[in-house]
Amino acid sequence: MRKDISLKNLHFNHQNLLLSFVLGVVALVINLYPVPFFANVQFILGNTLTVIVAILCGPWYALITSLLASTGLMLIWDSYHVFVIFSLEAVFLGFCRRRDIYALYGSFIFWAIIGMPLFYLMANIFFDLPAEHLSFVTLKQAINSLIYTSLASLLILMLP
C-alpha cells in the first residue's frame, strides 16, 4: 500500500522561514563582496548570517539561508563546491544546536571531521591548484568558518 505525501502534514514556522529568506538574501549580497585579507585570502562574512539562523531557527531554515548565501560565493568564485560544503555546515550546526552543542565547537567538529577532508577531496578533483597550496587553502576555509561562527555567536549574545 502506498501512502500519499501531503503538504498539510508539513509544519513551518512562518517567522523562521521569513527570517531565513531575508538573512539569506542579505548574506548573498554580503558574500558578493568578500573582505580581502592578504594575497588571495578573503574573509567570507555573509555566512555569519547562516550560522545565526542555524542557532536560532534550526537546520532546515539554515539550509535555506546557506543556499542563498552560497549563491553569492558561487557567482564570484564560479565554483559549485560552496553549495555542498556550506550547506552541510549549516545543517550540521543546526543539529548541533538541537543537541545543545555550542556553535563554535560544532563548527570546529564539522571542519575537523567533515569539512576539511571533503573540501580537500573536492579541491583535488575540481580545482587546478598546486599540491603545495592545497593544504593552506583547506586550512584557510576552516579558519574562516571559525571566524564567522565566532562573530555570529557574539552577535547573538549582544543583540536582543
N, C-alpha and C. Protein backbone atom coordinates (compact mmCIF):
# COMPACT_ATOMS: atom_id res chain seq x y z
N MET A 1 0.83 -1.17 0.00
CA MET A 1 0.00 0.00 0.00
C MET A 1 0.87 1.24 0.00
N ARG A 2 0.49 2.14 -0.80
CA ARG A 2 1.25 3.38 -0.95
C ARG A 2 0.53 4.50 -0.23
N LYS A 3 1.31 5.26 0.55
CA LYS A 3 0.74 6.42 1.23
C LYS A 3 1.15 7.67 0.47
N ASP A 4 0.20 8.50 0.22
CA ASP A 4 0.49 9.75 -0.46
C ASP A 4 1.05 10.76 0.53
N ILE A 5 1.99 11.53 0.06
CA ILE A 5 2.58 12.57 0.88
C ILE A 5 1.80 13.86 0.63
N SER A 6 1.35 14.46 1.70
CA SER A 6 0.62 15.70 1.51
C SER A 6 1.35 16.83 2.24
N LEU A 7 1.22 18.02 1.71
CA LEU A 7 1.88 19.18 2.30
C LEU A 7 1.22 19.64 3.59
N LYS A 8 0.01 19.19 3.85
CA LYS A 8 -0.65 19.64 5.07
C LYS A 8 -0.03 19.02 6.32
N ASN A 9 0.78 17.97 6.16
CA ASN A 9 1.47 17.37 7.30
C ASN A 9 2.78 18.09 7.63
N LEU A 10 3.23 18.94 6.73
CA LEU A 10 4.46 19.69 6.98
C LEU A 10 4.13 20.94 7.77
N HIS A 11 4.92 21.21 8.77
CA HIS A 11 4.69 22.38 9.61
C HIS A 11 5.87 23.32 9.50
N PHE A 12 5.59 24.54 9.14
CA PHE A 12 6.61 25.57 9.04
C PHE A 12 6.31 26.67 10.02
N ASN A 13 7.34 27.21 10.61
CA ASN A 13 7.21 28.42 11.39
C ASN A 13 7.43 29.56 10.40
N HIS A 14 6.40 30.31 10.12
CA HIS A 14 6.48 31.33 9.08
C HIS A 14 7.45 32.44 9.43
N GLN A 15 7.59 32.76 10.71
CA GLN A 15 8.56 33.78 11.11
C GLN A 15 9.98 33.30 10.85
N ASN A 16 10.25 32.04 11.18
CA ASN A 16 11.59 31.49 10.91
C ASN A 16 11.87 31.40 9.42
N LEU A 17 10.84 31.04 8.67
CA LEU A 17 11.00 30.95 7.21
C LEU A 17 11.30 32.32 6.63
N LEU A 18 10.58 33.33 7.06
CA LEU A 18 10.82 34.69 6.59
C LEU A 18 12.21 35.17 7.01
N LEU A 19 12.59 34.90 8.25
CA LEU A 19 13.92 35.29 8.73
C LEU A 19 15.01 34.62 7.92
N SER A 20 14.84 33.34 7.62
CA SER A 20 15.87 32.63 6.85
C SER A 20 16.00 33.18 5.43
N PHE A 21 14.89 33.54 4.80
CA PHE A 21 14.95 34.12 3.46
C PHE A 21 15.57 35.52 3.48
N VAL A 22 15.14 36.35 4.42
CA VAL A 22 15.66 37.72 4.49
C VAL A 22 17.16 37.70 4.78
N LEU A 23 17.57 36.93 5.79
CA LEU A 23 19.00 36.87 6.11
C LEU A 23 19.79 36.18 4.99
N GLY A 24 19.16 35.25 4.28
CA GLY A 24 19.83 34.62 3.15
C GLY A 24 20.11 35.60 2.03
N VAL A 25 19.16 36.47 1.74
CA VAL A 25 19.36 37.48 0.69
C VAL A 25 20.43 38.49 1.12
N VAL A 26 20.39 38.89 2.39
CA VAL A 26 21.42 39.81 2.90
C VAL A 26 22.79 39.14 2.85
N ALA A 27 22.87 37.85 3.23
CA ALA A 27 24.13 37.11 3.17
C ALA A 27 24.63 36.97 1.73
N LEU A 28 23.71 36.78 0.79
CA LEU A 28 24.09 36.70 -0.63
C LEU A 28 24.78 38.00 -1.05
N VAL A 29 24.21 39.14 -0.69
CA VAL A 29 24.80 40.42 -1.06
C VAL A 29 26.14 40.62 -0.37
N ILE A 30 26.23 40.27 0.92
CA ILE A 30 27.50 40.42 1.65
C ILE A 30 28.57 39.52 1.03
N ASN A 31 28.20 38.30 0.66
CA ASN A 31 29.17 37.37 0.08
C ASN A 31 29.63 37.78 -1.32
N LEU A 32 28.91 38.67 -1.96
CA LEU A 32 29.37 39.18 -3.26
C LEU A 32 30.61 40.06 -3.10
N TYR A 33 30.86 40.52 -1.88
CA TYR A 33 31.99 41.40 -1.59
C TYR A 33 32.81 40.85 -0.43
N PRO A 34 33.56 39.75 -0.66
CA PRO A 34 34.37 39.21 0.44
C PRO A 34 35.45 40.21 0.85
N VAL A 35 35.80 40.18 2.11
CA VAL A 35 36.78 41.12 2.65
C VAL A 35 38.19 40.58 2.37
N PRO A 36 38.98 41.32 1.56
CA PRO A 36 40.34 40.84 1.29
C PRO A 36 41.21 40.97 2.53
N PHE A 37 42.01 39.96 2.79
CA PHE A 37 42.89 39.96 3.95
C PHE A 37 44.34 40.16 3.50
N PHE A 38 44.87 39.22 2.76
CA PHE A 38 46.17 39.37 2.13
C PHE A 38 46.25 38.39 0.97
N ALA A 39 47.09 38.72 0.01
CA ALA A 39 47.26 37.90 -1.20
C ALA A 39 45.88 37.53 -1.76
N ASN A 40 45.60 36.24 -1.84
CA ASN A 40 44.33 35.78 -2.37
C ASN A 40 43.40 35.26 -1.26
N VAL A 41 43.68 35.64 -0.02
CA VAL A 41 42.90 35.19 1.12
C VAL A 41 41.80 36.21 1.40
N GLN A 42 40.57 35.73 1.47
CA GLN A 42 39.42 36.60 1.69
C GLN A 42 38.59 36.06 2.84
N PHE A 43 38.01 36.98 3.63
CA PHE A 43 37.08 36.57 4.67
C PHE A 43 35.67 36.57 4.10
N ILE A 44 34.92 35.52 4.42
CA ILE A 44 33.54 35.39 3.97
C ILE A 44 32.67 35.74 5.17
N LEU A 45 32.10 36.91 5.17
CA LEU A 45 31.33 37.35 6.33
C LEU A 45 29.84 37.08 6.20
N GLY A 46 29.34 36.85 5.00
CA GLY A 46 27.91 36.60 4.82
C GLY A 46 27.45 35.32 5.48
N ASN A 47 28.34 34.36 5.60
CA ASN A 47 27.96 33.09 6.23
C ASN A 47 27.70 33.24 7.72
N THR A 48 28.07 34.38 8.28
CA THR A 48 27.74 34.67 9.68
C THR A 48 26.23 34.61 9.87
N LEU A 49 25.50 35.10 8.90
CA LEU A 49 24.04 35.09 9.00
C LEU A 49 23.46 33.68 8.91
N THR A 50 24.13 32.81 8.18
CA THR A 50 23.71 31.41 8.11
C THR A 50 23.85 30.75 9.48
N VAL A 51 24.95 31.05 10.16
CA VAL A 51 25.18 30.48 11.49
C VAL A 51 24.13 31.02 12.47
N ILE A 52 23.79 32.29 12.35
CA ILE A 52 22.76 32.86 13.22
C ILE A 52 21.43 32.14 13.03
N VAL A 53 21.06 31.88 11.79
CA VAL A 53 19.81 31.16 11.52
C VAL A 53 19.90 29.72 12.03
N ALA A 54 21.05 29.09 11.88
CA ALA A 54 21.22 27.72 12.39
C ALA A 54 21.01 27.67 13.90
N ILE A 55 21.53 28.67 14.59
CA ILE A 55 21.41 28.70 16.05
C ILE A 55 19.98 29.04 16.48
N LEU A 56 19.38 30.01 15.85
CA LEU A 56 18.07 30.48 16.28
C LEU A 56 16.91 29.65 15.75
N CYS A 57 17.03 29.14 14.53
CA CYS A 57 15.87 28.53 13.87
C CYS A 57 16.00 27.03 13.63
N GLY A 58 17.20 26.53 13.51
CA GLY A 58 17.37 25.10 13.27
C GLY A 58 17.99 24.79 11.92
N PRO A 59 18.22 23.50 11.66
CA PRO A 59 19.00 23.08 10.48
C PRO A 59 18.34 23.36 9.14
N TRP A 60 17.03 23.16 9.03
CA TRP A 60 16.41 23.27 7.71
C TRP A 60 16.24 24.73 7.28
N TYR A 61 16.01 25.60 8.23
CA TYR A 61 15.97 27.02 7.91
C TYR A 61 17.37 27.52 7.57
N ALA A 62 18.37 26.98 8.28
CA ALA A 62 19.75 27.34 7.98
C ALA A 62 20.15 26.88 6.58
N LEU A 63 19.60 25.76 6.15
CA LEU A 63 19.88 25.27 4.80
C LEU A 63 19.38 26.26 3.76
N ILE A 64 18.20 26.81 3.97
CA ILE A 64 17.66 27.81 3.04
C ILE A 64 18.58 29.03 2.99
N THR A 65 18.97 29.51 4.16
CA THR A 65 19.86 30.67 4.23
C THR A 65 21.20 30.36 3.58
N SER A 66 21.72 29.18 3.83
CA SER A 66 23.01 28.80 3.27
C SER A 66 22.98 28.72 1.75
N LEU A 67 21.91 28.18 1.20
CA LEU A 67 21.81 28.10 -0.26
C LEU A 67 21.80 29.49 -0.89
N LEU A 68 21.09 30.42 -0.27
CA LEU A 68 21.09 31.79 -0.78
C LEU A 68 22.46 32.44 -0.60
N ALA A 69 23.07 32.29 0.57
CA ALA A 69 24.39 32.88 0.82
C ALA A 69 25.44 32.30 -0.11
N SER A 70 25.37 31.00 -0.34
CA SER A 70 26.35 30.33 -1.21
C SER A 70 26.22 30.77 -2.66
N THR A 71 25.03 31.21 -3.04
CA THR A 71 24.84 31.70 -4.40
C THR A 71 25.74 32.90 -4.67
N GLY A 72 25.87 33.78 -3.69
CA GLY A 72 26.78 34.93 -3.84
C GLY A 72 28.21 34.48 -4.05
N LEU A 73 28.65 33.48 -3.29
CA LEU A 73 30.02 32.98 -3.43
C LEU A 73 30.21 32.28 -4.77
N MET A 74 29.20 31.53 -5.19
CA MET A 74 29.30 30.85 -6.48
C MET A 74 29.43 31.85 -7.62
N LEU A 75 28.73 32.97 -7.51
CA LEU A 75 28.79 33.97 -8.56
C LEU A 75 30.17 34.62 -8.68
N ILE A 76 30.85 34.84 -7.55
CA ILE A 76 32.16 35.49 -7.63
C ILE A 76 33.30 34.50 -7.81
N TRP A 77 33.16 33.28 -7.28
CA TRP A 77 34.24 32.30 -7.39
C TRP A 77 34.03 31.33 -8.56
N ASP A 78 32.83 31.27 -9.10
CA ASP A 78 32.50 30.36 -10.18
C ASP A 78 32.82 28.91 -9.82
N SER A 79 32.41 28.53 -8.62
CA SER A 79 32.66 27.17 -8.14
C SER A 79 31.44 26.68 -7.37
N TYR A 80 30.99 25.50 -7.72
CA TYR A 80 29.79 24.95 -7.10
C TYR A 80 30.07 24.24 -5.78
N HIS A 81 31.33 24.10 -5.40
CA HIS A 81 31.64 23.41 -4.15
C HIS A 81 31.05 24.11 -2.94
N VAL A 82 30.82 25.42 -3.05
CA VAL A 82 30.31 26.18 -1.91
C VAL A 82 28.92 25.69 -1.50
N PHE A 83 28.11 25.25 -2.45
CA PHE A 83 26.78 24.75 -2.11
C PHE A 83 26.88 23.49 -1.25
N VAL A 84 27.79 22.62 -1.58
CA VAL A 84 27.93 21.37 -0.84
C VAL A 84 28.50 21.63 0.55
N ILE A 85 29.64 22.29 0.60
CA ILE A 85 30.35 22.49 1.87
C ILE A 85 29.53 23.32 2.84
N PHE A 86 29.06 24.48 2.42
CA PHE A 86 28.39 25.39 3.35
C PHE A 86 26.99 24.93 3.70
N SER A 87 26.33 24.20 2.81
CA SER A 87 25.02 23.65 3.14
C SER A 87 25.15 22.55 4.19
N LEU A 88 26.15 21.70 4.02
CA LEU A 88 26.41 20.67 5.03
C LEU A 88 26.76 21.30 6.38
N GLU A 89 27.56 22.36 6.33
CA GLU A 89 27.93 23.04 7.58
C GLU A 89 26.70 23.63 8.27
N ALA A 90 25.83 24.26 7.51
CA ALA A 90 24.63 24.87 8.09
C ALA A 90 23.74 23.83 8.75
N VAL A 91 23.50 22.73 8.06
CA VAL A 91 22.66 21.67 8.63
C VAL A 91 23.34 21.06 9.86
N PHE A 92 24.64 20.84 9.79
CA PHE A 92 25.38 20.27 10.92
C PHE A 92 25.29 21.18 12.14
N LEU A 93 25.49 22.49 11.93
CA LEU A 93 25.41 23.43 13.05
C LEU A 93 23.99 23.49 13.62
N GLY A 94 22.99 23.39 12.76
CA GLY A 94 21.61 23.37 13.24
C GLY A 94 21.33 22.16 14.11
N PHE A 95 21.84 21.00 13.72
CA PHE A 95 21.65 19.80 14.54
C PHE A 95 22.50 19.85 15.81
N CYS A 96 23.67 20.47 15.73
CA CYS A 96 24.47 20.66 16.95
C CYS A 96 23.72 21.51 17.95
N ARG A 97 23.06 22.53 17.47
CA ARG A 97 22.29 23.41 18.37
C ARG A 97 21.15 22.65 19.02
N ARG A 98 20.52 21.75 18.27
CA ARG A 98 19.45 20.93 18.85
C ARG A 98 19.97 20.05 19.98
N ARG A 99 21.24 19.68 19.92
CA ARG A 99 21.85 18.86 20.96
C ARG A 99 22.59 19.71 22.00
N ASP A 100 22.35 21.01 21.97
CA ASP A 100 22.97 21.97 22.89
C ASP A 100 24.49 21.98 22.82
N ILE A 101 25.02 21.80 21.62
CA ILE A 101 26.46 21.94 21.39
C ILE A 101 26.71 23.36 20.92
N TYR A 102 27.58 24.05 21.59
CA TYR A 102 27.91 25.44 21.26
C TYR A 102 28.35 25.53 19.80
N ALA A 103 27.93 26.58 19.11
CA ALA A 103 28.17 26.71 17.66
C ALA A 103 29.64 26.66 17.30
N LEU A 104 30.49 27.29 18.09
CA LEU A 104 31.92 27.29 17.77
C LEU A 104 32.50 25.89 17.88
N TYR A 105 32.07 25.13 18.88
CA TYR A 105 32.51 23.74 18.99
C TYR A 105 31.98 22.91 17.82
N GLY A 106 30.72 23.15 17.47
CA GLY A 106 30.13 22.44 16.33
C GLY A 106 30.86 22.74 15.04
N SER A 107 31.24 24.00 14.85
CA SER A 107 31.98 24.38 13.65
C SER A 107 33.35 23.70 13.61
N PHE A 108 34.01 23.68 14.75
CA PHE A 108 35.32 23.01 14.82
C PHE A 108 35.18 21.53 14.51
N ILE A 109 34.18 20.89 15.10
CA ILE A 109 33.95 19.45 14.85
C ILE A 109 33.65 19.21 13.37
N PHE A 110 32.77 20.05 12.80
CA PHE A 110 32.43 19.88 11.39
C PHE A 110 33.67 19.98 10.50
N TRP A 111 34.46 21.03 10.68
CA TRP A 111 35.60 21.22 9.79
C TRP A 111 36.69 20.19 10.02
N ALA A 112 36.87 19.73 11.25
CA ALA A 112 37.90 18.72 11.52
C ALA A 112 37.53 17.36 10.96
N ILE A 113 36.25 17.00 11.04
CA ILE A 113 35.83 15.65 10.66
C ILE A 113 35.27 15.57 9.24
N ILE A 114 34.48 16.57 8.83
CA ILE A 114 33.78 16.50 7.54
C ILE A 114 34.30 17.54 6.56
N GLY A 115 34.33 18.80 6.96
CA GLY A 115 34.59 19.92 6.06
C GLY A 115 35.95 19.89 5.39
N MET A 116 37.02 19.79 6.19
CA MET A 116 38.36 19.82 5.58
C MET A 116 38.64 18.60 4.70
N PRO A 117 38.32 17.38 5.17
CA PRO A 117 38.54 16.24 4.25
C PRO A 117 37.72 16.33 2.96
N LEU A 118 36.46 16.76 3.10
CA LEU A 118 35.61 16.87 1.91
C LEU A 118 36.11 17.97 0.98
N PHE A 119 36.48 19.12 1.54
CA PHE A 119 37.00 20.20 0.72
C PHE A 119 38.29 19.78 0.03
N TYR A 120 39.17 19.12 0.75
CA TYR A 120 40.44 18.65 0.18
C TYR A 120 40.19 17.70 -1.00
N LEU A 121 39.24 16.79 -0.80
CA LEU A 121 38.89 15.84 -1.87
C LEU A 121 38.31 16.57 -3.07
N MET A 122 37.37 17.48 -2.82
CA MET A 122 36.75 18.22 -3.92
C MET A 122 37.77 19.10 -4.63
N ALA A 123 38.67 19.72 -3.87
CA ALA A 123 39.69 20.58 -4.48
C ALA A 123 40.64 19.76 -5.35
N ASN A 124 40.98 18.57 -4.91
CA ASN A 124 41.84 17.70 -5.72
C ASN A 124 41.18 17.33 -7.04
N ILE A 125 39.88 17.12 -6.99
CA ILE A 125 39.16 16.68 -8.18
C ILE A 125 38.82 17.84 -9.11
N PHE A 126 38.33 18.96 -8.55
CA PHE A 126 37.74 20.00 -9.38
C PHE A 126 38.61 21.25 -9.60
N PHE A 127 39.61 21.47 -8.78
CA PHE A 127 40.40 22.70 -8.89
C PHE A 127 41.77 22.41 -9.47
N ASP A 128 42.34 23.43 -10.13
CA ASP A 128 43.70 23.32 -10.64
C ASP A 128 44.64 24.06 -9.70
N LEU A 129 44.79 23.52 -8.50
CA LEU A 129 45.67 24.12 -7.51
C LEU A 129 46.94 23.28 -7.38
N PRO A 130 48.08 23.94 -7.21
CA PRO A 130 49.29 23.17 -6.92
C PRO A 130 49.14 22.43 -5.60
N ALA A 131 49.74 21.28 -5.49
CA ALA A 131 49.61 20.45 -4.29
C ALA A 131 50.10 21.17 -3.03
N GLU A 132 51.11 22.01 -3.18
CA GLU A 132 51.64 22.71 -2.00
C GLU A 132 50.70 23.81 -1.50
N HIS A 133 49.77 24.28 -2.34
CA HIS A 133 48.80 25.30 -1.92
C HIS A 133 47.53 24.70 -1.33
N LEU A 134 47.28 23.45 -1.65
CA LEU A 134 46.02 22.82 -1.28
C LEU A 134 45.81 22.74 0.24
N SER A 135 46.83 22.40 0.97
CA SER A 135 46.71 22.33 2.43
C SER A 135 46.40 23.69 3.03
N PHE A 136 47.06 24.73 2.52
CA PHE A 136 46.82 26.08 3.02
C PHE A 136 45.39 26.53 2.74
N VAL A 137 44.92 26.28 1.53
CA VAL A 137 43.57 26.69 1.15
C VAL A 137 42.53 25.94 1.99
N THR A 138 42.77 24.68 2.23
CA THR A 138 41.85 23.88 3.04
C THR A 138 41.81 24.39 4.48
N LEU A 139 42.96 24.67 5.05
CA LEU A 139 43.02 25.20 6.41
C LEU A 139 42.40 26.59 6.48
N LYS A 140 42.59 27.38 5.44
CA LYS A 140 42.00 28.73 5.39
C LYS A 140 40.47 28.67 5.45
N GLN A 141 39.89 27.69 4.79
CA GLN A 141 38.43 27.53 4.82
C GLN A 141 37.95 27.28 6.24
N ALA A 142 38.64 26.40 6.95
CA ALA A 142 38.25 26.08 8.33
C ALA A 142 38.43 27.28 9.25
N ILE A 143 39.53 27.98 9.13
CA ILE A 143 39.78 29.16 9.97
C ILE A 143 38.75 30.24 9.68
N ASN A 144 38.44 30.45 8.42
CA ASN A 144 37.43 31.43 8.04
C ASN A 144 36.09 31.07 8.69
N SER A 145 35.74 29.80 8.68
CA SER A 145 34.48 29.37 9.29
C SER A 145 34.48 29.62 10.79
N LEU A 146 35.59 29.36 11.44
CA LEU A 146 35.66 29.61 12.89
C LEU A 146 35.52 31.10 13.19
N ILE A 147 36.03 31.93 12.30
CA ILE A 147 35.91 33.39 12.50
C ILE A 147 34.45 33.82 12.36
N TYR A 148 33.78 33.40 11.28
CA TYR A 148 32.40 33.87 11.12
C TYR A 148 31.45 33.19 12.10
N THR A 149 31.77 32.00 12.58
CA THR A 149 30.96 31.37 13.62
C THR A 149 31.13 32.11 14.94
N SER A 150 32.35 32.52 15.25
CA SER A 150 32.60 33.30 16.46
C SER A 150 31.85 34.62 16.40
N LEU A 151 31.91 35.27 15.25
CA LEU A 151 31.21 36.54 15.07
C LEU A 151 29.70 36.36 15.24
N ALA A 152 29.15 35.29 14.69
CA ALA A 152 27.71 35.01 14.83
C ALA A 152 27.35 34.77 16.29
N SER A 153 28.16 34.03 17.00
CA SER A 153 27.89 33.77 18.42
C SER A 153 27.91 35.05 19.23
N LEU A 154 28.86 35.93 18.93
CA LEU A 154 28.92 37.22 19.62
C LEU A 154 27.71 38.09 19.31
N LEU A 155 27.31 38.11 18.05
CA LEU A 155 26.14 38.91 17.65
C LEU A 155 24.87 38.42 18.35
N ILE A 156 24.72 37.12 18.47
CA ILE A 156 23.53 36.58 19.13
C ILE A 156 23.52 36.97 20.60
N LEU A 157 24.68 36.97 21.23
CA LEU A 157 24.75 37.36 22.64
C LEU A 157 24.50 38.85 22.84
N MET A 158 24.90 39.67 21.88
CA MET A 158 24.80 41.13 22.02
C MET A 158 23.44 41.67 21.60
N LEU A 159 22.78 41.04 20.66
CA LEU A 159 21.51 41.55 20.15
C LEU A 159 20.33 40.93 20.90
N PRO A 160 19.30 41.71 21.17
CA PRO A 160 18.14 41.14 21.87
C PRO A 160 17.33 40.22 20.95
